[in-house]
């Protein structure tokens, strides 16, 4: 069962995918996020990069709709989302699917494919997902860039995501990975 802190973080995270802010997740939200990447990085729709990003978000929507949309209305409500997240975190058969999904999203955000997230890539993630402005992204990035090299390695990012999902410690650094949830 999700703790109150996990519910708070996962509710916040839900809203980062609700691109049109209508209170439900739909395929169009994921399409808007893909368009945001294309616009932010000037990626042509016929490029391999665009196809990768579109395919990644498309597959994520399809899996989410299949597993979380319990009333089959082609929308995922917050309650459905939280129930699905609870299942992922407590069902040993989920095989840490949430980490696999996070890995895919980090790969998408690592546009220059150097195996890290730069401050610029992190800022773009914030902008696309409506998390906050560039100054908030820079402030949080500085807290998560543990060695101060201007990058967050994929391994560090995965550990931060694990903190986000699993930690019930309000001070855990990973709680901030997707923005200030409070």
Protein backbone atom coordinates (compact mmCIF):
# COMPACT_ATOMS: atom_id res chain seq x y z
CA UNK A 1 0.00 0.00 0.00
CA UNK A 2 1.30 3.45 -0.89
CA UNK A 3 2.37 5.66 1.97
CA UNK A 4 1.02 9.20 2.23
CA UNK A 5 4.35 10.58 0.96
CA UNK A 6 4.32 8.22 -2.02
CA UNK A 7 0.73 9.25 -2.82
CA UNK A 8 1.76 12.90 -2.69
CA UNK A 9 4.78 12.37 -4.97
CA UNK A 10 2.93 10.12 -7.41
CA UNK A 11 -0.02 12.53 -7.59
CA UNK A 12 2.42 15.30 -8.45
CA UNK A 13 4.10 13.03 -11.03
CA UNK A 14 0.70 12.23 -12.59
CA UNK A 15 0.20 15.94 -13.23
CA UNK A 16 3.55 16.20 -15.02
CA UNK A 17 2.12 13.91 -17.71
CA UNK A 18 -1.27 15.66 -17.87
CA UNK A 19 -0.13 18.07 -20.59
CA UNK A 20 -3.55 19.62 -21.17
CA UNK A 21 -4.23 19.83 -17.42
CA UNK A 22 -7.71 18.31 -17.69
CA UNK A 23 -7.20 15.93 -14.76
CA UNK A 24 -6.80 12.73 -16.77
CA UNK A 25 -4.03 11.14 -18.80
CA UNK A 26 -4.82 10.49 -22.43
CA UNK A 27 -2.85 9.63 -25.55
CA UNK A 28 -3.01 13.30 -26.56
CA UNK A 29 -1.03 14.23 -23.42
CA UNK A 30 1.79 11.92 -24.47
CA UNK A 31 1.62 13.28 -28.03
CA UNK A 32 1.99 16.84 -26.67
CA UNK A 33 5.07 15.80 -24.71
CA UNK A 34 6.60 14.32 -27.86
CA UNK A 35 5.83 17.56 -29.71
CA UNK A 36 7.48 19.45 -26.87
CA UNK A 37 10.71 17.50 -27.39
CA UNK A 38 10.57 18.09 -31.14
CA UNK A 39 10.07 21.81 -30.63
CA UNK A 40 12.68 22.18 -27.88
CA UNK A 41 15.39 20.42 -29.87
CA UNK A 42 14.21 21.29 -33.39
CA UNK A 43 13.73 17.62 -34.25
CA UNK A 44 12.14 16.84 -37.60
CA UNK A 45 9.19 14.43 -37.50
CA UNK A 46 10.78 12.22 -40.13
CA UNK A 47 14.02 11.84 -38.17
CA UNK A 48 15.18 8.74 -36.34
CA UNK A 49 15.35 10.73 -33.09
CA UNK A 50 11.74 11.83 -33.38
CA UNK A 51 10.63 8.31 -34.19
CA UNK A 52 12.48 7.00 -31.11
CA UNK A 53 10.92 9.60 -28.80
CA UNK A 54 7.46 9.13 -30.32
CA UNK A 55 7.73 5.35 -30.12
CA UNK A 56 8.92 5.44 -26.49
CA UNK A 57 6.09 7.70 -25.32
CA UNK A 58 3.58 5.86 -27.52
CA UNK A 59 4.50 2.49 -26.05
CA UNK A 60 4.33 3.95 -22.56
CA UNK A 61 0.83 5.28 -23.20
CA UNK A 62 -0.31 1.94 -24.65
CA UNK A 63 1.01 0.02 -21.63
CA UNK A 64 -0.46 2.54 -19.20
CA UNK A 65 -3.85 2.45 -20.92
CA UNK A 66 -3.84 -1.35 -20.94
CA UNK A 67 -2.86 -1.74 -17.29
CA UNK A 68 -4.26 1.34 -15.56
CA UNK A 69 -7.42 2.28 -17.48
CA UNK A 70 -9.67 -0.06 -15.54
CA UNK A 71 -12.94 1.41 -16.85
CA UNK A 72 -11.75 1.30 -20.49
CA UNK A 73 -12.62 4.95 -21.25
CA UNK A 74 -9.24 5.67 -22.95
CA UNK A 75 -8.30 7.90 -20.04
CA UNK A 76 -6.36 7.27 -16.86
CA UNK A 77 -7.75 9.07 -13.85
CA UNK A 78 -5.67 9.94 -10.81
CA UNK A 79 -7.30 7.11 -8.85
CA UNK A 80 -6.50 4.63 -11.62
CA UNK A 81 -2.93 5.96 -11.78
CA UNK A 82 -2.39 5.60 -8.03
CA UNK A 83 -3.88 2.11 -8.02
CA UNK A 84 -1.60 1.14 -10.92
CA UNK A 85 1.46 2.62 -9.20
CA UNK A 86 0.61 0.77 -6.01
CA UNK A 87 0.42 -2.46 -7.98
CA UNK A 88 3.77 -1.78 -9.63
CA UNK A 89 5.46 -1.10 -6.32
CA UNK A 90 3.99 -4.03 -4.40
CA UNK A 91 3.63 -6.78 -6.99
CA UNK A 92 6.84 -8.82 -7.29
CA UNK A 93 5.70 -9.81 -10.79
CA UNK A 94 6.08 -6.20 -11.94
CA UNK A 95 9.86 -6.84 -11.96
CA UNK A 96 10.57 -3.19 -11.21
CA UNK A 97 8.77 -2.06 -14.36
CA UNK A 98 8.81 1.51 -13.02
CA UNK A 99 12.64 1.44 -13.18
CA UNK A 100 12.55 0.16 -16.75
CA UNK A 101 10.14 2.95 -17.67
CA UNK A 102 12.34 5.53 -15.94
CA UNK A 103 15.34 4.21 -17.86
CA UNK A 104 13.49 4.69 -21.17
CA UNK A 105 12.50 8.24 -20.24
CA UNK A 106 16.05 9.11 -19.17
CA UNK A 107 17.33 7.77 -22.50
CA UNK A 108 14.85 10.03 -24.30
CA UNK A 109 15.88 13.07 -22.25
CA UNK A 110 19.58 12.37 -22.92
CA UNK A 111 19.31 13.93 -26.35
CA UNK A 112 23.06 14.12 -26.97
CA UNK A 113 23.39 10.42 -25.98
CA UNK A 114 26.38 10.93 -23.68
CA UNK A 115 24.92 8.78 -20.91
CA UNK A 116 24.14 11.74 -18.66
CA UNK A 117 21.57 14.46 -18.18
CA UNK A 118 23.04 17.94 -18.59
CA UNK A 119 21.54 21.00 -16.98
CA UNK A 120 20.10 22.02 -20.36
CA UNK A 121 18.48 18.60 -20.87
CA UNK A 122 17.08 18.78 -17.34
CA UNK A 123 15.68 22.26 -17.98
CA UNK A 124 14.01 21.03 -21.17
CA UNK A 125 12.43 18.14 -19.24
CA UNK A 126 11.00 20.67 -16.77
CA UNK A 127 9.64 22.84 -19.57
CA UNK A 128 8.08 19.97 -21.54
CA UNK A 129 6.43 18.42 -18.50
CA UNK A 130 5.35 21.76 -17.04
CA UNK A 131 7.32 21.09 -13.87
CA UNK A 132 8.71 24.57 -13.38
CA UNK A 133 10.82 27.29 -14.84
CA UNK A 134 14.53 27.23 -15.68
CA UNK A 135 15.59 28.69 -12.35
CA UNK A 136 13.78 25.94 -10.42
CA UNK A 137 15.33 23.32 -12.71
CA UNK A 138 18.80 24.79 -12.12
CA UNK A 139 18.24 24.95 -8.35
CA UNK A 140 17.14 21.32 -8.12
CA UNK A 141 19.74 20.12 -10.62
CA UNK A 142 22.48 21.59 -8.42
CA UNK A 143 21.16 19.53 -5.49
CA UNK A 144 21.15 16.34 -7.57
CA UNK A 145 24.51 16.82 -9.31
CA UNK A 146 26.36 15.23 -6.40
CA UNK A 147 29.87 15.59 -7.80
CA UNK A 148 29.32 19.07 -9.24
CA UNK A 149 30.42 18.13 -12.77
CA UNK A 150 27.36 19.66 -14.43
CA UNK A 151 25.86 16.28 -15.27
CA UNK A 152 23.70 13.61 -13.68
CA UNK A 153 24.85 10.16 -14.76
CA UNK A 154 22.21 7.66 -15.81
CA UNK A 155 23.13 5.52 -12.79
CA UNK A 156 22.63 8.48 -10.43
CA UNK A 157 19.38 9.36 -12.19
CA UNK A 158 18.12 5.80 -11.74
CA UNK A 159 19.01 5.91 -8.04
CA UNK A 160 17.18 9.21 -7.71
CA UNK A 161 14.11 7.74 -9.41
CA UNK A 162 14.26 4.77 -7.03
CA UNK A 163 14.33 7.28 -4.15
CA UNK A 164 11.34 9.04 -5.67
CA UNK A 165 9.29 5.86 -5.90
CA UNK A 166 10.39 3.99 -2.81
CA UNK A 167 11.56 6.41 -0.16
CA UNK A 168 9.27 7.49 2.62
CA UNK A 169 11.92 9.94 3.81
CA UNK A 170 10.81 13.49 2.95
CA UNK A 171 14.49 14.51 2.77
CA UNK A 172 15.52 11.89 0.19
CA UNK A 173 17.17 13.72 -2.74
CA UNK A 174 15.28 11.69 -5.34
CA UNK A 175 12.01 13.18 -4.17
CA UNK A 176 13.02 16.29 -6.11
CA UNK A 177 14.02 14.58 -9.37
CA UNK A 178 10.75 15.42 -11.13
CA UNK A 179 10.43 18.82 -9.46
CA UNK A 180 9.29 20.22 -6.15
CA UNK A 181 6.31 17.99 -5.38
CA UNK A 182 5.08 20.16 -2.52
